[in-house]
Amino acid sequence: MLQTSVDNVREKAVKAKNMKLSHIFVHLFLILLAIICIVPFYIMIIYGTHTNADIASKFIFLPGQALIENYQSMTENMNIWRGFLNSLIIAGCSTALTLYFGALNAYGFAKYKFKGNKLLFWFVLATMMVPQQLGLVGTFRIMYILNLLDTYAALILPAAANAFAVFFVKQFIDGTIPDEIIESARVDGASEFKTFNKIILPMLAPALAALGIFAFIGSWNNFIGPLVLLFTNDKYPLPLLVQLLQGYYGTNYGVQYLGVALSVLPIIIVFAIFSKRIIGSVAIGAVKG
């Protein structure tokens, strides 16, 4: 009996030791993966503080003293902060349209059972398979007819038709919002839009928070759309201005790195702050009651 107890204790000790070793290996692997992901962004930021001669001659891992010089050189030929404001306006308005109309369409597909509901929903999903570049010709023609070329509206209005937003929010609605809530609102005399705006929309906050981050990042990084639909430099968002840096400073890598860093840093900060909300929203939407 005593021998059996000793063997059990030894077996538990061995299992605990193996578990600790496995945890150590997992943590080391995750740390290594995080370093691999972070190092390119770190180097990009650090190179923006060095002169072109330093960047071309050696590998650099520490900050330099040419940040102000590179910034002054960058702002001599273009208003980078105007581009920052343009990106903020376009991305902010596009995100707002994506969230509201994406949620409204998803609500209709999830809670209104009409003939052809599934077929129409699958058609919406099928549009996700079409590359964005293929739709630019049609978008350009429509904006030309509406006299919206070279305006912010040409980039903002198409955000109201976002197939991924419809799919993402519909999955959340199917898993978390029961039909009884809507029926109770109708019994109380609420109109359909009032039910959606006052009751359903606040309940979609977790999903919309995650979707908003995806939409904002996608709009902020959009390059091909502004390139085709905008013609005035003062209306260019940051991605286009960063591309123009290669024309003005084809061999000045410090200025180019600084421009890229300025365009990427806001996205990194936003994602770092709201990453937990993204994970939580995806987890909630994946569980159906």
Protein backbone atom coordinates (compact mmCIF):
# COMPACT_ATOMS: atom_id res chain seq x y z
CA MET A 1 0.00 0.00 0.00
CA LEU A 2 2.82 2.36 0.94
CA GLN A 3 4.72 1.47 -2.23
CA THR A 4 1.64 2.25 -4.34
CA SER A 5 1.32 5.69 -2.73
CA VAL A 6 5.00 6.41 -3.37
CA ASP A 7 4.62 5.38 -7.02
CA ASN A 8 1.59 7.65 -7.41
CA VAL A 9 3.49 10.59 -5.96
CA ARG A 10 6.44 9.92 -8.27
CA GLU A 11 4.12 9.63 -11.28
CA LYS A 12 2.44 12.96 -10.44
CA ALA A 13 5.84 14.61 -9.97
CA VAL A 14 6.99 13.35 -13.38
CA LYS A 15 3.78 14.58 -15.04
CA ALA A 16 4.12 17.98 -13.37
CA LYS A 17 7.73 18.21 -14.53
CA ASN A 18 6.80 17.28 -18.10
CA MET A 19 3.97 19.82 -18.03
CA LYS A 20 6.30 22.57 -16.85
CA LEU A 21 8.77 21.72 -19.60
CA SER A 22 6.02 21.81 -22.23
CA HIS A 23 4.84 25.20 -20.92
CA ILE A 24 8.39 26.51 -21.08
CA PHE A 25 8.75 25.38 -24.71
CA VAL A 26 5.39 26.90 -25.63
CA HIS A 27 6.30 30.24 -24.03
CA LEU A 28 9.71 30.26 -25.70
CA PHE A 29 8.10 29.57 -29.06
CA LEU A 30 5.54 32.37 -28.56
CA ILE A 31 8.28 34.79 -27.50
CA LEU A 32 10.30 33.87 -30.59
CA LEU A 33 7.23 34.35 -32.81
CA ALA A 34 6.53 37.74 -31.23
CA ILE A 35 10.12 38.83 -31.85
CA ILE A 36 9.92 37.75 -35.49
CA CYS A 37 6.74 39.83 -35.91
CA ILE A 38 7.99 42.90 -34.03
CA VAL A 39 11.56 43.19 -35.37
CA PRO A 40 10.59 44.36 -38.92
CA PHE A 41 8.43 47.17 -37.52
CA TYR A 42 11.14 48.09 -35.02
CA ILE A 43 13.80 48.26 -37.74
CA MET A 44 11.49 50.34 -39.93
CA ILE A 45 11.04 52.90 -37.14
CA ILE A 46 14.74 52.90 -36.21
CA TYR A 47 15.87 53.39 -39.81
CA GLY A 48 13.70 56.52 -39.96
CA THR A 49 16.08 58.11 -37.42
CA HIS A 50 19.28 57.52 -39.44
CA THR A 51 20.94 59.15 -42.41
CA ASN A 52 20.94 57.54 -45.82
CA ALA A 53 24.69 56.83 -45.57
CA ASP A 54 24.29 54.86 -42.35
CA ILE A 55 21.41 52.80 -43.73
CA ALA A 56 23.27 51.96 -46.93
CA SER A 57 26.53 50.99 -45.22
CA LYS A 58 25.60 48.84 -42.21
CA PHE A 59 22.91 47.03 -40.28
CA ILE A 60 21.44 49.28 -37.58
CA PHE A 61 19.57 48.23 -34.47
CA LEU A 62 19.81 51.37 -32.31
CA PRO A 63 18.13 54.79 -32.76
CA GLY A 64 20.02 57.53 -34.60
CA GLN A 65 20.07 61.32 -34.49
CA ALA A 66 18.73 62.18 -37.95
CA LEU A 67 15.04 62.09 -37.10
CA ILE A 68 14.51 65.86 -37.29
CA GLU A 69 16.60 66.12 -40.47
CA ASN A 70 14.60 63.35 -42.15
CA TYR A 71 11.32 64.90 -41.02
CA GLN A 72 12.27 68.31 -42.41
CA SER A 73 13.32 66.75 -45.71
CA MET A 74 10.03 64.85 -45.92
CA THR A 75 7.86 67.91 -45.28
CA GLU A 76 9.70 70.11 -47.79
CA ASN A 77 7.91 68.63 -50.80
CA MET A 78 4.66 67.30 -49.34
CA ASN A 79 2.24 67.97 -46.52
CA ILE A 80 2.34 64.61 -44.76
CA TRP A 81 -0.06 65.78 -42.03
CA ARG A 82 -2.62 66.79 -44.63
CA GLY A 83 -2.42 63.21 -45.89
CA PHE A 84 -2.85 62.02 -42.31
CA LEU A 85 -6.01 64.11 -41.97
CA ASN A 86 -7.30 62.84 -45.34
CA SER A 87 -6.78 59.25 -44.25
CA LEU A 88 -8.51 59.93 -40.94
CA ILE A 89 -11.56 61.48 -42.65
CA ILE A 90 -11.86 58.75 -45.26
CA ALA A 91 -11.24 55.86 -42.86
CA GLY A 92 -13.51 57.28 -40.15
CA CYS A 93 -16.48 57.96 -42.43
CA SER A 94 -16.03 54.68 -44.31
CA THR A 95 -15.97 52.76 -41.05
CA ALA A 96 -19.17 54.43 -39.83
CA LEU A 97 -21.00 53.53 -43.06
CA THR A 98 -19.67 49.98 -42.99
CA LEU A 99 -20.81 49.42 -39.42
CA TYR A 100 -24.31 50.82 -39.74
CA PHE A 101 -25.33 49.49 -43.15
CA GLY A 102 -23.48 46.22 -42.64
CA ALA A 103 -25.38 45.69 -39.38
CA LEU A 104 -28.67 46.73 -41.01
CA ASN A 105 -28.26 44.29 -43.90
CA ALA A 106 -27.13 41.51 -41.58
CA TYR A 107 -30.17 42.09 -39.37
CA GLY A 108 -32.44 41.81 -42.40
CA PHE A 109 -30.86 38.54 -43.55
CA ALA A 110 -30.87 37.07 -40.03
CA LYS A 111 -34.36 37.97 -38.83
CA TYR A 112 -36.52 38.45 -41.93
CA LYS A 113 -37.44 35.17 -43.59
CA PHE A 114 -38.42 36.07 -47.14
CA LYS A 115 -38.35 34.12 -50.39
CA GLY A 116 -34.85 33.97 -51.79
CA ASN A 117 -33.23 34.96 -48.48
CA LYS A 118 -30.53 32.29 -48.57
CA LEU A 119 -29.91 32.68 -52.29
CA LEU A 120 -29.44 36.43 -51.97
CA PHE A 121 -27.18 35.98 -48.94
CA TRP A 122 -25.00 33.50 -50.81
CA PHE A 123 -24.83 35.96 -53.70
CA VAL A 124 -23.57 38.64 -51.29
CA LEU A 125 -20.95 36.21 -49.98
CA ALA A 126 -19.92 35.37 -53.54
CA THR A 127 -18.96 39.01 -54.11
CA MET A 128 -16.26 38.55 -51.47
CA MET A 129 -14.45 36.25 -53.91
CA VAL A 130 -14.16 39.00 -56.53
CA PRO A 131 -10.88 40.97 -56.27
CA GLN A 132 -11.30 44.64 -55.47
CA GLN A 133 -9.36 45.64 -58.58
CA LEU A 134 -11.99 44.09 -60.87
CA GLY A 135 -14.68 46.34 -59.46
CA LEU A 136 -12.72 49.55 -59.88
CA VAL A 137 -13.78 50.00 -63.48
CA GLY A 138 -17.45 49.93 -62.54
CA THR A 139 -16.83 52.10 -59.48
CA PHE A 140 -14.97 54.66 -61.58
CA ARG A 141 -17.82 54.78 -64.11
CA ILE A 142 -20.49 55.20 -61.43
CA MET A 143 -18.55 57.96 -59.68
CA TYR A 144 -18.03 59.68 -63.03
CA ILE A 145 -21.79 59.63 -63.73
CA LEU A 146 -22.50 60.97 -60.22
CA ASN A 147 -19.79 63.63 -60.65
CA LEU A 148 -18.00 62.39 -57.52
CA LEU A 149 -14.54 61.75 -58.94
CA ASP A 150 -11.70 63.41 -57.03
CA THR A 151 -13.84 63.70 -53.89
CA TYR A 152 -13.81 61.94 -50.53
CA ALA A 153 -17.31 60.61 -51.29
CA ALA A 154 -15.93 58.43 -54.08
CA LEU A 155 -14.02 56.46 -51.46
CA ILE A 156 -16.49 56.70 -48.60
CA LEU A 157 -19.83 55.79 -50.20
CA PRO A 158 -18.82 52.31 -51.51
CA ALA A 159 -18.06 51.32 -47.91
CA ALA A 160 -21.82 51.05 -47.29
CA ALA A 161 -21.81 47.83 -49.36
CA ASN A 162 -19.39 45.60 -47.47
CA ALA A 163 -20.08 41.88 -47.89
CA PHE A 164 -17.71 40.84 -45.12
CA ALA A 165 -19.49 43.16 -42.66
CA VAL A 166 -22.84 41.55 -43.53
CA PHE A 167 -21.43 38.06 -43.05
CA PHE A 168 -19.60 38.89 -39.82
CA VAL A 169 -22.53 40.62 -38.10
CA LYS A 170 -25.07 38.03 -39.29
CA GLN A 171 -23.09 35.26 -37.61
CA PHE A 172 -23.11 37.29 -34.40
CA ILE A 173 -26.86 37.95 -34.60
CA ASP A 174 -27.64 34.28 -35.26
CA GLY A 175 -25.68 33.26 -32.18
CA THR A 176 -26.63 35.90 -29.62
CA ILE A 177 -29.92 37.71 -30.39
CA PRO A 178 -33.15 35.70 -29.92
CA ASP A 179 -36.31 36.40 -31.89
CA GLU A 180 -38.27 37.01 -28.67
CA ILE A 181 -36.57 40.39 -28.17
CA ILE A 182 -37.74 41.62 -31.57
CA GLU A 183 -41.25 40.25 -31.05
CA SER A 184 -41.49 42.02 -27.68
CA ALA A 185 -40.48 45.32 -29.28
CA ARG A 186 -43.13 44.88 -31.98
CA VAL A 187 -45.79 44.13 -29.36
CA ASP A 188 -44.83 47.36 -27.58
CA GLY A 189 -45.46 49.25 -30.82
CA ALA A 190 -41.89 49.96 -31.89
CA SER A 191 -41.30 50.41 -35.60
CA GLU A 192 -38.81 48.23 -37.43
CA PHE A 193 -36.16 50.95 -37.65
CA LYS A 194 -36.70 51.95 -34.04
CA THR A 195 -36.30 48.32 -32.99
CA PHE A 196 -33.04 48.10 -34.89
CA ASN A 197 -31.63 51.47 -33.82
CA LYS A 198 -32.67 51.41 -30.16
CA ILE A 199 -32.52 47.71 -29.28
CA ILE A 200 -30.55 45.63 -31.77
CA LEU A 201 -27.74 48.06 -32.58
CA PRO A 202 -26.59 48.47 -28.94
CA MET A 203 -26.61 44.67 -28.54
CA LEU A 204 -24.26 44.40 -31.52
CA ALA A 205 -21.61 46.57 -29.85
CA PRO A 206 -19.04 43.75 -29.30
CA ALA A 207 -19.23 42.60 -32.92
CA LEU A 208 -19.25 46.14 -34.29
CA ALA A 209 -16.19 47.03 -32.20
CA ALA A 210 -14.18 44.24 -33.80
CA LEU A 211 -15.60 44.91 -37.26
CA GLY A 212 -14.87 48.61 -36.88
CA ILE A 213 -11.19 47.91 -36.32
CA PHE A 214 -11.03 45.68 -39.39
CA ALA A 215 -12.87 48.26 -41.50
CA PHE A 216 -10.77 51.17 -40.25
CA ILE A 217 -7.48 49.37 -40.92
CA GLY A 218 -8.64 48.25 -44.36
CA SER A 219 -9.72 51.76 -45.34
CA TRP A 220 -6.58 53.34 -43.87
CA ASN A 221 -4.32 51.01 -45.89
CA ASN A 222 -6.33 51.32 -49.10
CA PHE A 223 -4.00 52.26 -51.93
CA ILE A 224 -5.50 51.25 -55.27
CA GLY A 225 -8.86 53.00 -54.68
CA PRO A 226 -7.48 56.50 -53.99
CA LEU A 227 -4.95 56.03 -56.80
CA VAL A 228 -7.75 55.57 -59.34
CA LEU A 229 -10.45 57.88 -57.95
CA LEU A 230 -8.42 60.86 -56.70
CA PHE A 231 -6.38 63.26 -58.83
CA THR A 232 -5.44 66.11 -56.45
CA ASN A 233 -2.40 65.79 -54.20
CA ASP A 234 -4.11 67.70 -51.39
CA LYS A 235 -6.75 64.96 -51.20
CA TYR A 236 -4.34 62.02 -51.22
CA PRO A 237 -4.35 59.78 -48.13
CA LEU A 238 -1.16 58.63 -46.44
CA PRO A 239 -0.51 55.47 -48.52
CA LEU A 240 -0.36 57.53 -51.73
CA LEU A 241 1.85 60.20 -50.18
CA VAL A 242 4.24 57.53 -48.90
CA GLN A 243 4.42 56.16 -52.44
CA LEU A 244 5.19 59.65 -53.73
CA LEU A 245 8.16 59.80 -51.35
CA GLN A 246 9.92 57.32 -53.63
CA GLY A 247 9.62 59.82 -56.45
CA TYR A 248 11.01 62.73 -54.48
CA TYR A 249 13.55 60.74 -52.48
CA GLY A 250 14.36 57.70 -54.58
CA THR A 251 17.64 57.04 -52.79
CA ASN A 252 16.97 58.67 -49.41
CA TYR A 253 15.91 55.61 -47.47
CA GLY A 254 15.77 57.40 -44.13
CA VAL A 255 12.98 59.69 -45.34
CA GLN A 256 11.14 56.78 -46.92
CA TYR A 257 11.32 54.70 -43.75
CA LEU A 258 10.08 57.65 -41.70
CA GLY A 259 7.11 58.13 -44.02
CA VAL A 260 6.18 54.46 -43.83
CA ALA A 261 6.54 54.51 -40.04
CA LEU A 262 4.20 57.50 -39.74
CA SER A 263 1.57 55.72 -41.85
CA VAL A 264 1.83 52.41 -39.98
CA LEU A 265 2.16 53.56 -36.36
CA PRO A 266 -1.52 54.62 -35.92
CA ILE A 267 -2.66 51.19 -37.11
CA ILE A 268 -0.29 49.41 -34.73
CA ILE A 269 -1.49 51.54 -31.83
CA VAL A 270 -5.18 51.00 -32.61
CA PHE A 271 -4.74 47.26 -32.98
CA ALA A 272 -2.67 46.99 -29.79
CA ILE A 273 -5.34 48.83 -27.77
CA PHE A 274 -8.37 46.94 -29.14
CA SER A 275 -6.90 43.48 -29.82
CA LYS A 276 -8.67 41.96 -26.79
CA ARG A 277 -12.00 43.28 -28.01
CA ILE A 278 -11.40 41.67 -31.42
CA ILE A 279 -10.68 38.26 -29.89
CA GLY A 280 -13.64 38.53 -27.49
CA SER A 281 -16.06 39.51 -30.25
CA VAL A 282 -14.98 36.67 -32.52
CA ALA A 283 -15.33 34.20 -29.65
CA ILE A 284 -18.83 35.42 -28.78
CA GLY A 285 -19.96 35.28 -32.39
CA ALA A 286 -18.68 31.72 -32.74
CA VAL A 287 -20.87 30.39 -29.92
CA LYS A 288 -24.49 29.77 -30.73
CA GLY A 289 -27.02 29.46 -27.93
